[in-house]
Amino acid sequence: MWLAALAILIGLAILVWSADVFIDGATALAKKFSVPSFLIGVLILGIGTSAPEMVVSVLAAIEGSPELALGNAYGSNIINIALVLGATVLISPIIIRRGIVKRDLPLLLLITVIAAWQLRDGTLSQADGIVLLILLVAVLGLQIIMSIREGYHEHEDDIVVANADSAHSNNLEHLNNSESLEKLEPSVTRGLVSLIIGMLMLVASSRAIVWGAVELATLWGLSELIIGLTIVAVGTSLPELVSSLSAARKGEHDMALGNIIGSNIFNTLAVVGLATVIAPIAADPVILSRDVMAMGVLTILLVTLCAFAFKTKRQFGRTSGATLVLFFMGYTAWLIQSVSM
């Protein structure tokens, strides 16, 4: 018991530290290469923090339990929006950009609809998995092209002003050019090292916390199913939660929201797609009637709240965060009730 409690305490401390390292590395790379923070959030944070879901799902498919991959992916999507994003904006409200409302959230909604449509007959074939992986490549390519184009457009005026202000310092910059080039590689290297170390420690500390929590819950007499639906589900989303909180606290609002959108896209397309390619899935009907429906309703709620915040020029703030967290509490109660019936 004491070992489990120690694992939770140490895991939490390392989790907080590694999240800061992870975000610092991502921010350094974004600034060094002039990449929009939202794109970093979608690609690096979104994919990186979904590593636990991918490992669990692929192993489950290999071991002959691909349906676990489905529950893991969709459950994580629900937790990412309802708990992770809800808790993040409760602490630090987020500013919603036009591109998020006009492109990224509708894209997430479309992917959610496709996922539900594929499950209409209760099965996912290998062909369905291949379609999901092809969509993943297309979506990531679109995100890269549109985010970079939008980033350049949004900063166009700033670049013009910066060029005008720095015109009379060009000679000095020219003299220091070789020194700047020498400093580029160490800076990039530090950013990459911070990113990799932070991501690895995020995953490792999350595993330690989940292990300790499961051990304590077992000692307290909770069922394995309840543990899986609550502690393990939340545990695999801890990297998203802590990295999003850290990003928001550092003022990287686009990165925090991009982390959630990227994670959900990756879970739906990559995690489910890979598991389905490995082994076709015959889904329990309750997944469609409960989890997929909850994921769809929650995604629509997210799009609506973000659109309202953008239209009224308000922050995506505490009222929206409280709404999402209440949804998570209601969903959890629904899970427990359905299991006990």
Protein backbone atom coordinates (compact mmCIF):
# COMPACT_ATOMS: atom_id res chain seq x y z
CA MET A 1 0.00 0.00 0.00
CA TRP A 2 2.77 2.42 0.92
CA LEU A 3 4.61 1.59 -2.31
CA ALA A 4 1.49 2.39 -4.33
CA ALA A 5 0.99 5.69 -2.52
CA LEU A 6 4.65 6.57 -3.05
CA ALA A 7 4.33 5.78 -6.77
CA ILE A 8 1.40 8.22 -7.02
CA LEU A 9 3.18 11.02 -5.15
CA ILE A 10 6.47 10.68 -7.05
CA GLY A 11 4.61 10.19 -10.32
CA LEU A 12 2.66 13.42 -9.81
CA ALA A 13 5.82 15.38 -9.05
CA ILE A 14 7.59 14.05 -12.13
CA LEU A 15 4.45 14.58 -14.22
CA VAL A 16 4.32 18.30 -13.40
CA TRP A 17 8.05 18.75 -14.01
CA SER A 18 8.06 16.81 -17.28
CA ALA A 19 5.08 18.78 -18.59
CA ASP A 20 7.02 22.03 -18.17
CA VAL A 21 10.04 20.53 -19.92
CA PHE A 22 7.82 19.18 -22.71
CA ILE A 23 6.08 22.53 -23.31
CA ASP A 24 9.36 24.47 -23.10
CA GLY A 25 10.86 22.23 -25.78
CA ALA A 26 7.81 22.54 -28.04
CA THR A 27 7.72 26.33 -27.58
CA ALA A 28 11.43 26.67 -28.34
CA LEU A 29 11.08 24.72 -31.59
CA ALA A 30 7.97 26.66 -32.61
CA LYS A 31 9.76 29.98 -32.14
CA LYS A 32 13.00 28.81 -33.74
CA PHE A 33 11.32 27.65 -36.95
CA SER A 34 8.47 30.20 -36.90
CA VAL A 35 5.89 27.40 -36.75
CA PRO A 36 2.40 28.33 -35.42
CA SER A 37 1.83 27.16 -31.84
CA PHE A 38 -1.45 25.50 -32.84
CA LEU A 39 0.39 23.30 -35.35
CA ILE A 40 2.92 22.30 -32.69
CA GLY A 41 0.00 21.47 -30.40
CA VAL A 42 -1.71 19.32 -33.04
CA LEU A 43 1.33 17.46 -34.34
CA ILE A 44 3.86 17.18 -31.52
CA LEU A 45 1.78 17.52 -28.36
CA GLY A 46 -1.31 15.85 -29.80
CA ILE A 47 0.50 12.83 -31.18
CA GLY A 48 3.09 12.65 -28.41
CA THR A 49 0.59 12.69 -25.56
CA SER A 50 -1.50 10.03 -27.34
CA ALA A 51 1.37 7.56 -27.04
CA PRO A 52 -0.23 5.74 -24.05
CA GLU A 53 -3.47 5.20 -25.97
CA MET A 54 -1.60 3.92 -29.01
CA VAL A 55 0.53 1.46 -27.02
CA VAL A 56 -2.46 0.13 -25.07
CA SER A 57 -4.61 -0.22 -28.20
CA VAL A 58 -2.02 -1.88 -30.42
CA LEU A 59 -1.08 -4.37 -27.70
CA ALA A 60 -4.76 -5.11 -27.09
CA ALA A 61 -5.29 -5.81 -30.80
CA ILE A 62 -2.22 -8.06 -30.99
CA GLU A 63 -3.38 -9.98 -27.93
CA GLY A 64 -6.80 -10.61 -29.49
CA SER A 65 -8.85 -7.91 -27.73
CA PRO A 66 -9.21 -5.18 -30.36
CA GLU A 67 -12.49 -3.97 -28.84
CA LEU A 68 -10.45 -2.64 -25.92
CA ALA A 69 -8.72 -0.34 -28.39
CA LEU A 70 -12.08 1.10 -29.42
CA GLY A 71 -13.17 1.82 -25.85
CA ASN A 72 -9.75 3.21 -25.00
CA ALA A 73 -9.70 5.60 -27.96
CA TYR A 74 -13.28 6.87 -27.66
CA GLY A 75 -13.12 7.05 -23.87
CA SER A 76 -9.94 9.10 -24.11
CA ASN A 77 -11.59 11.45 -26.62
CA ILE A 78 -14.42 12.09 -24.18
CA ILE A 79 -12.02 12.68 -21.30
CA ASN A 80 -9.78 14.95 -23.41
CA ILE A 81 -12.63 17.35 -24.18
CA ALA A 82 -14.74 17.09 -21.04
CA LEU A 83 -12.08 16.80 -18.33
CA VAL A 84 -8.77 17.91 -19.86
CA LEU A 85 -10.01 20.92 -21.82
CA GLY A 86 -12.65 21.72 -19.19
CA ALA A 87 -10.10 21.79 -16.37
CA THR A 88 -7.64 23.76 -18.51
CA VAL A 89 -10.03 26.64 -19.27
CA LEU A 90 -11.28 26.68 -15.68
CA ILE A 91 -7.74 27.60 -14.69
CA SER A 92 -6.68 29.61 -17.74
CA PRO A 93 -9.28 30.75 -20.33
CA ILE A 94 -8.35 30.30 -23.99
CA ILE A 95 -8.69 32.74 -26.88
CA ILE A 96 -10.41 31.14 -29.89
CA ARG A 97 -8.97 31.97 -33.32
CA ARG A 98 -10.91 32.10 -36.58
CA GLY A 99 -9.11 29.08 -38.07
CA ILE A 100 -10.08 26.87 -35.13
CA VAL A 101 -13.78 27.64 -35.61
CA LYS A 102 -13.77 27.67 -39.41
CA ARG A 103 -11.52 24.67 -40.05
CA ASP A 104 -10.16 22.62 -37.16
CA LEU A 105 -13.30 21.99 -35.10
CA PRO A 106 -15.51 21.21 -38.14
CA LEU A 107 -12.81 18.78 -39.23
CA LEU A 108 -12.88 17.08 -35.82
CA LEU A 109 -16.68 16.91 -36.01
CA LEU A 110 -16.51 15.37 -39.49
CA ILE A 111 -14.03 12.72 -38.30
CA THR A 112 -16.32 11.91 -35.37
CA VAL A 113 -19.26 11.48 -37.77
CA ILE A 114 -17.19 9.16 -39.98
CA ALA A 115 -16.22 7.08 -36.94
CA ALA A 116 -19.87 6.73 -35.91
CA TRP A 117 -20.92 5.87 -39.49
CA GLN A 118 -18.31 3.12 -39.73
CA LEU A 119 -19.73 1.56 -36.56
CA ARG A 120 -23.35 1.65 -37.76
CA ASP A 121 -23.38 -2.15 -38.23
CA GLY A 122 -21.42 -2.83 -35.03
CA THR A 123 -18.20 -3.91 -36.77
CA LEU A 124 -14.99 -2.37 -38.06
CA SER A 125 -13.23 -4.25 -40.86
CA GLN A 126 -9.60 -4.01 -41.94
CA ALA A 127 -10.80 -1.94 -44.89
CA ASP A 128 -12.32 0.53 -42.40
CA GLY A 129 -8.98 0.69 -40.62
CA ILE A 130 -7.15 1.43 -43.87
CA VAL A 131 -9.63 4.23 -44.63
CA LEU A 132 -8.97 5.74 -41.19
CA LEU A 133 -5.19 5.67 -41.71
CA ILE A 134 -5.51 7.26 -45.17
CA LEU A 135 -7.68 9.97 -43.64
CA LEU A 136 -5.03 10.49 -40.96
CA VAL A 137 -2.34 11.21 -43.56
CA ALA A 138 -4.68 13.56 -45.46
CA VAL A 139 -5.77 15.40 -42.31
CA LEU A 140 -2.24 15.88 -40.99
CA GLY A 141 -1.11 17.14 -44.40
CA LEU A 142 -4.01 19.59 -44.49
CA GLN A 143 -3.28 20.76 -40.94
CA ILE A 144 0.36 21.42 -41.81
CA ILE A 145 -0.39 23.37 -44.99
CA MET A 146 -3.30 25.43 -43.62
CA SER A 147 -1.75 26.19 -40.21
CA ILE A 148 1.52 27.40 -41.72
CA ARG A 149 -0.34 29.48 -44.33
CA GLU A 150 -2.61 30.94 -41.66
CA GLY A 151 0.35 31.60 -39.36
CA TYR A 152 2.14 33.57 -42.05
CA HIS A 153 -1.03 35.51 -42.86
CA GLU A 154 -1.76 36.41 -39.24
CA HIS A 155 1.78 37.66 -38.64
CA GLU A 156 2.18 39.48 -41.96
CA ASP A 157 1.64 42.94 -40.50
CA ASP A 158 3.91 42.20 -37.55
CA ILE A 159 6.67 41.14 -39.92
CA VAL A 160 6.36 44.36 -41.94
CA VAL A 161 6.59 46.48 -38.78
CA ALA A 162 9.49 44.43 -37.46
CA ASN A 163 11.37 44.80 -40.76
CA ALA A 164 10.83 48.58 -40.71
CA ASP A 165 11.97 48.92 -37.10
CA SER A 166 15.07 46.81 -37.70
CA ALA A 167 16.13 48.38 -41.02
CA HIS A 168 18.79 50.59 -39.42
CA SER A 169 20.28 47.62 -37.53
CA ASN A 170 20.92 45.44 -40.58
CA ASN A 171 24.65 46.14 -40.60
CA LEU A 172 25.05 45.01 -37.01
CA GLU A 173 23.04 41.87 -37.70
CA HIS A 174 25.22 41.14 -40.71
CA LEU A 175 28.37 41.35 -38.59
CA ASN A 176 26.86 38.99 -36.01
CA ASN A 177 25.44 36.58 -38.59
CA SER A 178 28.11 33.94 -38.14
CA GLU A 179 27.67 34.05 -34.36
CA SER A 180 23.89 33.59 -34.77
CA LEU A 181 24.42 30.58 -37.00
CA GLU A 182 26.67 29.03 -34.40
CA LYS A 183 23.95 29.45 -31.76
CA LEU A 184 21.19 27.94 -33.94
CA GLU A 185 22.12 24.28 -33.65
CA PRO A 186 22.58 24.17 -29.85
CA SER A 187 19.21 25.92 -29.45
CA VAL A 188 17.47 23.44 -31.73
CA THR A 189 19.22 20.55 -30.01
CA ARG A 190 18.13 21.73 -26.56
CA GLY A 191 14.56 22.10 -27.79
CA LEU A 192 14.51 18.58 -29.23
CA VAL A 193 16.11 17.07 -26.12
CA SER A 194 13.61 18.85 -23.86
CA LEU A 195 10.74 17.68 -26.05
CA ILE A 196 11.82 14.04 -26.10
CA ILE A 197 12.76 13.84 -22.42
CA GLY A 198 9.56 15.60 -21.41
CA MET A 199 7.37 13.27 -23.49
CA LEU A 200 9.08 10.11 -22.19
CA MET A 201 8.81 11.26 -18.59
CA LEU A 202 5.16 12.24 -19.12
CA VAL A 203 4.32 8.73 -20.26
CA ALA A 204 6.46 7.01 -17.59
CA SER A 205 5.09 9.09 -14.71
CA SER A 206 1.52 8.55 -15.96
CA ARG A 207 2.09 4.80 -15.90
CA ALA A 208 3.41 5.01 -12.34
CA ILE A 209 0.36 6.98 -11.20
CA VAL A 210 -2.04 4.55 -12.89
CA TRP A 211 -0.27 1.54 -11.35
CA GLY A 212 -0.39 3.06 -7.86
CA ALA A 213 -4.04 4.07 -8.23
CA VAL A 214 -5.06 0.61 -9.45
CA GLU A 215 -3.22 -1.03 -6.56
CA LEU A 216 -4.94 1.19 -4.00
CA ALA A 217 -8.36 0.78 -5.65
CA THR A 218 -7.95 -3.00 -5.63
CA LEU A 219 -7.05 -2.94 -1.94
CA TRP A 220 -10.18 -0.87 -1.30
CA GLY A 221 -12.34 -3.47 -3.05
CA LEU A 222 -13.26 -1.66 -6.27
CA SER A 223 -14.02 -3.87 -9.29
CA GLU A 224 -11.56 -4.15 -12.18
CA LEU A 225 -14.17 -2.82 -14.61
CA ILE A 226 -14.77 0.32 -12.57
CA ILE A 227 -11.01 0.78 -12.24
CA GLY A 228 -10.61 0.47 -16.01
CA LEU A 229 -13.43 2.85 -16.82
CA THR A 230 -12.29 5.52 -14.38
CA ILE A 231 -8.70 5.37 -13.11
CA VAL A 232 -7.04 3.84 -16.18
CA ALA A 233 -9.08 5.96 -18.60
CA VAL A 234 -8.15 9.16 -16.80
CA GLY A 235 -4.58 7.91 -16.36
CA THR A 236 -3.98 7.54 -20.10
CA SER A 237 -5.17 11.14 -20.50
CA LEU A 238 -2.86 12.57 -17.83
CA PRO A 239 -0.21 13.62 -20.41
CA GLU A 240 -2.84 15.65 -22.29
CA LEU A 241 -4.17 17.14 -19.05
CA VAL A 242 -0.86 18.26 -17.58
CA SER A 243 0.68 19.42 -20.87
CA SER A 244 -2.45 21.43 -21.72
CA LEU A 245 -2.49 23.04 -18.26
CA SER A 246 1.20 23.85 -18.57
CA ALA A 247 0.76 25.31 -22.06
CA ALA A 248 -2.19 27.48 -20.97
CA ARG A 249 -0.32 28.65 -17.88
CA LYS A 250 2.60 29.74 -20.09
CA GLY A 251 0.23 31.66 -22.36
CA GLU A 252 0.40 29.12 -25.20
CA HIS A 253 -3.38 28.94 -25.66
CA ASP A 254 -3.23 27.74 -29.26
CA MET A 255 -0.87 24.97 -28.22
CA ALA A 256 -3.20 23.84 -25.41
CA LEU A 257 -6.26 23.63 -27.66
CA GLY A 258 -4.23 22.12 -30.50
CA ASN A 259 -3.12 19.39 -28.10
CA ILE A 260 -6.74 18.35 -27.47
CA ILE A 261 -7.84 18.51 -31.11
CA GLY A 262 -4.70 16.71 -32.28
CA SER A 263 -5.05 13.99 -29.64
CA ASN A 264 -8.68 13.30 -30.55
CA ILE A 265 -7.94 13.21 -34.28
CA PHE A 266 -5.03 10.87 -33.63
CA ASN A 267 -7.06 8.64 -31.32
CA THR A 268 -9.96 8.31 -33.78
CA LEU A 269 -7.89 7.81 -36.93
CA ALA A 270 -4.53 6.34 -35.89
CA VAL A 271 -5.28 4.43 -32.68
CA VAL A 272 -8.52 2.85 -33.94
CA GLY A 273 -7.15 2.52 -37.49
CA LEU A 274 -4.01 0.62 -36.45
CA ALA A 275 -5.92 -1.67 -34.08
CA THR A 276 -8.52 -2.44 -36.78
CA VAL A 277 -5.88 -3.20 -39.41
CA ILE A 278 -4.28 -5.65 -36.97
CA ALA A 279 -7.60 -7.31 -36.09
CA PRO A 280 -11.20 -6.49 -37.17
CA ILE A 281 -13.42 -5.28 -34.34
CA ALA A 282 -16.86 -6.55 -33.37
CA ALA A 283 -18.05 -3.80 -31.08
CA ASP A 284 -20.36 -4.18 -28.11
CA PRO A 285 -23.63 -2.38 -28.99
CA VAL A 286 -23.28 -0.30 -25.83
CA ILE A 287 -20.20 1.41 -27.30
CA LEU A 288 -22.32 2.86 -30.09
CA SER A 289 -25.34 3.72 -27.95
CA ARG A 290 -23.36 5.18 -25.05
CA ASP A 291 -19.74 6.07 -25.78
CA VAL A 292 -19.93 7.07 -29.45
CA MET A 293 -23.11 9.03 -28.77
CA ALA A 294 -21.47 10.79 -25.82
CA MET A 295 -18.40 11.55 -27.94
CA GLY A 296 -20.59 12.98 -30.71
CA VAL A 297 -22.70 15.12 -28.39
CA LEU A 298 -19.58 16.38 -26.62
CA THR A 299 -17.88 17.29 -29.91
CA ILE A 300 -20.98 19.22 -31.02
CA LEU A 301 -21.03 20.97 -27.63
CA LEU A 302 -17.36 21.92 -28.01
CA VAL A 303 -17.93 23.33 -31.50
CA THR A 304 -20.95 25.31 -30.26
CA LEU A 305 -19.17 26.76 -27.22
CA CYS A 306 -16.08 27.73 -29.24
CA ALA A 307 -18.19 29.29 -32.01
CA PHE A 308 -20.13 31.31 -29.44
CA ALA A 309 -16.91 32.51 -27.79
CA PHE A 310 -15.46 33.52 -31.15
CA LYS A 311 -18.63 35.27 -32.35
CA THR A 312 -19.06 37.24 -29.14
CA LYS A 313 -15.30 37.95 -29.00
CA ARG A 314 -15.06 36.42 -25.56
CA GLN A 315 -12.57 33.97 -24.14
CA PHE A 316 -13.37 30.28 -24.02
CA GLY A 317 -13.49 30.55 -20.26
CA ARG A 318 -14.70 29.25 -16.96
CA THR A 319 -18.40 28.91 -17.76
CA SER A 320 -17.58 26.70 -20.75
CA GLY A 321 -15.02 24.82 -18.68
CA ALA A 322 -17.54 24.15 -15.94
CA THR A 323 -20.04 22.92 -18.55
CA LEU A 324 -17.51 20.45 -19.93
CA VAL A 325 -16.47 19.19 -16.49
CA LEU A 326 -20.13 18.69 -15.54
CA PHE A 327 -20.55 16.66 -18.73
CA PHE A 328 -17.60 14.48 -17.65
CA MET A 329 -19.15 13.94 -14.22
CA GLY A 330 -22.47 12.99 -15.79
CA TYR A 331 -20.79 10.61 -18.23
CA THR A 332 -18.84 8.95 -15.41
CA ALA A 333 -22.03 8.50 -13.40
CA TRP A 334 -23.66 6.98 -16.50
CA LEU A 335 -20.75 4.55 -16.85
CA ILE A 336 -20.95 3.44 -13.23
CA GLN A 337 -24.72 3.04 -13.40
CA SER A 338 -24.57 0.98 -16.60
CA VAL A 339 -21.91 -1.28 -15.12
CA SER A 340 -23.88 -1.87 -11.92
CA MET A 341 -27.06 -2.78 -13.80
